[in-house]
Amino acid sequence: MLGNQPIRPVARDLDRRWISDDYFDLIVWYEPGGGIHGFQLCYDKSGHERALTWTLEGGFKHTAIDSGETNPNANRTPILVADGAFPAAQVRGEFMARGKLLPSEIRDLVLGKIEEYKLTITTPF
């Protein structure tokens, strides 16, 4: 279950809140004035982990997370790589079930952006 976590200052970067459970990692970045700058919702952590990222200036990005862990004796840094379709209905359902304890400003923003992203990838230009 995703729950409220404190906002933490990060030197030379935006303050952030990191919220996690066994399915999601949600990182929320904050503007200096306290408004939300963006978020990264990493999902399906124990399966094929991917991330939906949205920021004010960058818009949307959907990526897979390559853990880089091919050797159990090496600890490599995960990287984001291009990925295909976003399972919006599945992610939205999991987020609604697991995010009930989140502040409404975060929960509503993430759910709204999931819907917005779904529309941008299904609407022909």
C-alpha atoms as a PDB file:
ATOM      1  CA  MET A   1       0.000   0.000   0.000  1.00  0.00           C
ATOM      2  CA  LEU A   2       1.386   3.359  -1.007  1.00  0.00           C
ATOM      3  CA  GLY A   3       1.333   5.840   1.874  1.00  0.00           C
ATOM      4  CA  ASN A   4       2.280   9.426   2.521  1.00  0.00           C
ATOM      5  CA  GLN A   5       6.012  10.055   2.940  1.00  0.00           C
ATOM      6  CA  PRO A   6       7.803  13.290   3.868  1.00  0.00           C
ATOM      7  CA  ILE A   7       9.278  15.624   1.270  1.00  0.00           C
ATOM      8  CA  ARG A   8      13.062  15.406   1.470  1.00  0.00           C
ATOM      9  CA  PRO A   9      15.541  18.056   0.381  1.00  0.00           C
ATOM     10  CA  VAL A  10      18.119  16.984  -2.201  1.00  0.00           C
ATOM     11  CA  ALA A  11      21.317  19.009  -2.595  1.00  0.00           C
ATOM     12  CA  ARG A  12      21.544  20.774  -5.978  1.00  0.00           C
ATOM     13  CA  ASP A  13      18.274  19.216  -7.154  1.00  0.00           C
ATOM     14  CA  LEU A  14      14.536  19.491  -6.607  1.00  0.00           C
ATOM     15  CA  ASP A  15      13.064  18.330  -3.325  1.00  0.00           C
ATOM     16  CA  ARG A  16      11.315  14.987  -3.659  1.00  0.00           C
ATOM     17  CA  ARG A  17       9.071  12.467  -2.029  1.00  0.00           C
ATOM     18  CA  TRP A  18       9.789   8.752  -2.633  1.00  0.00           C
ATOM     19  CA  ILE A  19       6.863   6.415  -2.016  1.00  0.00           C
ATOM     20  CA  SER A  20       7.162   2.664  -2.516  1.00  0.00           C
ATOM     21  CA  ASP A  21       5.485  -0.704  -2.139  1.00  0.00           C
ATOM     22  CA  ASP A  22       6.057  -4.116  -3.716  1.00  0.00           C
ATOM     23  CA  TYR A  23       4.538  -3.045  -7.081  1.00  0.00           C
ATOM     24  CA  PHE A  24       5.278   0.695  -7.383  1.00  0.00           C
ATOM     25  CA  ASP A  25       7.996   3.242  -6.797  1.00  0.00           C
ATOM     26  CA  LEU A  26       6.601   6.768  -7.044  1.00  0.00           C
ATOM     27  CA  ILE A  27       9.004   9.688  -7.002  1.00  0.00           C
ATOM     28  CA  VAL A  28       7.411  13.142  -6.881  1.00  0.00           C
ATOM     29  CA  TRP A  29       9.572  16.224  -7.547  1.00  0.00           C
ATOM     30  CA  TYR A  30       8.643  19.627  -6.082  1.00  0.00           C
ATOM     31  CA  GLU A  31       9.245  23.183  -7.283  1.00  0.00           C
ATOM     32  CA  PRO A  32      10.970  25.553  -4.823  1.00  0.00           C
ATOM     33  CA  GLY A  33       7.565  27.121  -4.080  1.00  0.00           C
ATOM     34  CA  GLY A  34       6.079  23.745  -3.157  1.00  0.00           C
ATOM     35  CA  GLY A  35       4.104  22.897  -6.305  1.00  0.00           C
ATOM     36  CA  ILE A  36       4.570  19.549  -8.001  1.00  0.00           C
ATOM     37  CA  HIS A  37       7.175  19.681 -10.777  1.00  0.00           C
ATOM     38  CA  GLY A  38       6.662  16.098 -11.979  1.00  0.00           C
ATOM     39  CA  PHE A  39       6.689  12.446 -11.066  1.00  0.00           C
ATOM     40  CA  GLN A  40       8.045   9.068 -12.079  1.00  0.00           C
ATOM     41  CA  LEU A  41       5.781   6.079 -11.524  1.00  0.00           C
ATOM     42  CA  CYS A  42       7.772   2.843 -11.754  1.00  0.00           C
ATOM     43  CA  TYR A  43       5.514  -0.207 -11.908  1.00  0.00           C
ATOM     44  CA  ASP A  44       5.611  -4.010 -12.066  1.00  0.00           C
ATOM     45  CA  LYS A  45       8.827  -4.048 -10.022  1.00  0.00           C
ATOM     46  CA  SER A  46       9.020  -7.837  -9.718  1.00  0.00           C
ATOM     47  CA  GLY A  47       8.134  -8.476 -13.366  1.00  0.00           C
ATOM     48  CA  HIS A  48       8.956  -6.338 -16.406  1.00  0.00           C
ATOM     49  CA  GLU A  49       9.626  -3.043 -14.613  1.00  0.00           C
ATOM     50  CA  ARG A  50       8.741   0.111 -16.522  1.00  0.00           C
ATOM     51  CA  ALA A  51       8.249   3.783 -15.724  1.00  0.00           C
ATOM     52  CA  LEU A  52       5.858   6.540 -16.703  1.00  0.00           C
ATOM     53  CA  THR A  53       7.537   9.898 -16.180  1.00  0.00           C
ATOM     54  CA  TRP A  54       5.873  13.299 -16.447  1.00  0.00           C
ATOM     55  CA  THR A  55       7.420  16.707 -15.791  1.00  0.00           C
ATOM     56  CA  LEU A  56       6.229  20.253 -16.383  1.00  0.00           C
ATOM     57  CA  GLU A  57       8.868  21.025 -19.005  1.00  0.00           C
ATOM     58  CA  GLY A  58       9.477  17.554 -20.424  1.00  0.00           C
ATOM     59  CA  GLY A  59       5.966  16.132 -20.736  1.00  0.00           C
ATOM     60  CA  PHE A  60       5.598  12.356 -20.863  1.00  0.00           C
ATOM     61  CA  LYS A  61       8.063   9.532 -21.300  1.00  0.00           C
ATOM     62  CA  HIS A  62       7.367   5.801 -21.017  1.00  0.00           C
ATOM     63  CA  THR A  63      10.418   3.584 -20.556  1.00  0.00           C
ATOM     64  CA  ALA A  64      11.534   0.159 -19.400  1.00  0.00           C
ATOM     65  CA  ILE A  65      13.994  -0.157 -16.551  1.00  0.00           C
ATOM     66  CA  ASP A  66      17.081  -2.155 -17.433  1.00  0.00           C
ATOM     67  CA  SER A  67      18.554  -3.259 -14.121  1.00  0.00           C
ATOM     68  CA  GLY A  68      21.897  -4.092 -15.732  1.00  0.00           C
ATOM     69  CA  GLU A  69      22.133  -7.076 -13.387  1.00  0.00           C
ATOM     70  CA  THR A  70      23.368  -9.905 -15.608  1.00  0.00           C
ATOM     71  CA  ASN A  71      26.048 -10.915 -13.107  1.00  0.00           C
ATOM     72  CA  PRO A  72      24.887 -11.571  -9.527  1.00  0.00           C
ATOM     73  CA  ASN A  73      28.308 -10.458  -8.239  1.00  0.00           C
ATOM     74  CA  ALA A  74      28.078  -7.023  -9.876  1.00  0.00           C
ATOM     75  CA  ASN A  75      25.914  -4.138  -8.713  1.00  0.00           C
ATOM     76  CA  ARG A  76      25.129  -2.087 -11.801  1.00  0.00           C
ATOM     77  CA  THR A  77      23.076   1.072 -11.981  1.00  0.00           C
ATOM     78  CA  PRO A  78      19.626   0.658 -13.559  1.00  0.00           C
ATOM     79  CA  ILE A  79      18.975   2.733 -16.673  1.00  0.00           C
ATOM     80  CA  LEU A  80      15.841   3.782 -18.544  1.00  0.00           C
ATOM     81  CA  VAL A  81      15.466   2.390 -22.070  1.00  0.00           C
ATOM     82  CA  ALA A  82      12.814   2.793 -24.771  1.00  0.00           C
ATOM     83  CA  ASP A  83       9.726   0.663 -24.258  1.00  0.00           C
ATOM     84  CA  GLY A  84       6.477  -0.022 -26.054  1.00  0.00           C
ATOM     85  CA  ALA A  85       2.849   0.061 -25.007  1.00  0.00           C
ATOM     86  CA  PHE A  86       1.731   1.449 -21.675  1.00  0.00           C
ATOM     87  CA  PRO A  87      -0.832  -0.805 -19.915  1.00  0.00           C
ATOM     88  CA  ALA A  88      -2.853   2.182 -18.679  1.00  0.00           C
ATOM     89  CA  ALA A  89      -5.901   0.280 -17.400  1.00  0.00           C
ATOM     90  CA  GLN A  90      -3.772  -2.168 -15.388  1.00  0.00           C
ATOM     91  CA  VAL A  91      -1.532   0.546 -13.910  1.00  0.00           C
ATOM     92  CA  ARG A  92      -4.502   2.792 -13.130  1.00  0.00           C
ATOM     93  CA  GLY A  93      -6.320  -0.053 -11.354  1.00  0.00           C
ATOM     94  CA  GLU A  94      -3.273  -0.985  -9.275  1.00  0.00           C
ATOM     95  CA  PHE A  95      -2.623   2.679  -8.428  1.00  0.00           C
ATOM     96  CA  MET A  96      -6.231   3.269  -7.346  1.00  0.00           C
ATOM     97  CA  ALA A  97      -6.118   0.200  -5.079  1.00  0.00           C
ATOM     98  CA  ARG A  98      -2.688   0.914  -3.596  1.00  0.00           C
ATOM     99  CA  GLY A  99      -2.742   4.727  -3.471  1.00  0.00           C
ATOM    100  CA  LYS A 100      -5.759   5.309  -1.237  1.00  0.00           C
ATOM    101  CA  LEU A 101      -3.594   6.728   1.570  1.00  0.00           C
ATOM    102  CA  LEU A 102      -1.725   9.204  -0.651  1.00  0.00           C
ATOM    103  CA  PRO A 103      -2.427  12.928  -0.405  1.00  0.00           C
ATOM    104  CA  SER A 104      -5.205  13.745  -2.880  1.00  0.00           C
ATOM    105  CA  GLU A 105      -3.004  16.218  -4.798  1.00  0.00           C
ATOM    106  CA  ILE A 106      -0.572  13.392  -5.650  1.00  0.00           C
ATOM    107  CA  ARG A 107      -3.173  10.684  -6.231  1.00  0.00           C
ATOM    108  CA  ASP A 108      -5.338  12.908  -8.451  1.00  0.00           C
ATOM    109  CA  LEU A 109      -2.370  14.207 -10.443  1.00  0.00           C
ATOM    110  CA  VAL A 110      -0.986  10.732 -11.172  1.00  0.00           C
ATOM    111  CA  LEU A 111      -4.399   9.313 -12.102  1.00  0.00           C
ATOM    112  CA  GLY A 112      -5.108  12.321 -14.306  1.00  0.00           C
ATOM    113  CA  LYS A 113      -1.760  12.039 -16.075  1.00  0.00           C
ATOM    114  CA  ILE A 114      -2.265   8.300 -16.654  1.00  0.00           C
ATOM    115  CA  GLU A 115      -5.535   9.151 -18.422  1.00  0.00           C
ATOM    116  CA  GLU A 116      -3.939  12.037 -20.321  1.00  0.00           C
ATOM    117  CA  TYR A 117      -1.051   9.859 -21.497  1.00  0.00           C
ATOM    118  CA  LYS A 118      -3.476   7.125 -22.547  1.00  0.00           C
ATOM    119  CA  LEU A 119      -5.317   9.675 -24.706  1.00  0.00           C
ATOM    120  CA  THR A 120      -2.112  10.976 -26.297  1.00  0.00           C
ATOM    121  CA  ILE A 121      -1.030   7.502 -27.401  1.00  0.00           C
ATOM    122  CA  THR A 122      -4.447   6.426 -28.704  1.00  0.00           C
ATOM    123  CA  THR A 123      -5.536   9.636 -30.449  1.00  0.00           C
ATOM    124  CA  PRO A 124      -4.494   9.831 -34.111  1.00  0.00           C
ATOM    125  CA  PHE A 125      -2.903  13.095 -35.239  1.00  0.00           C
END
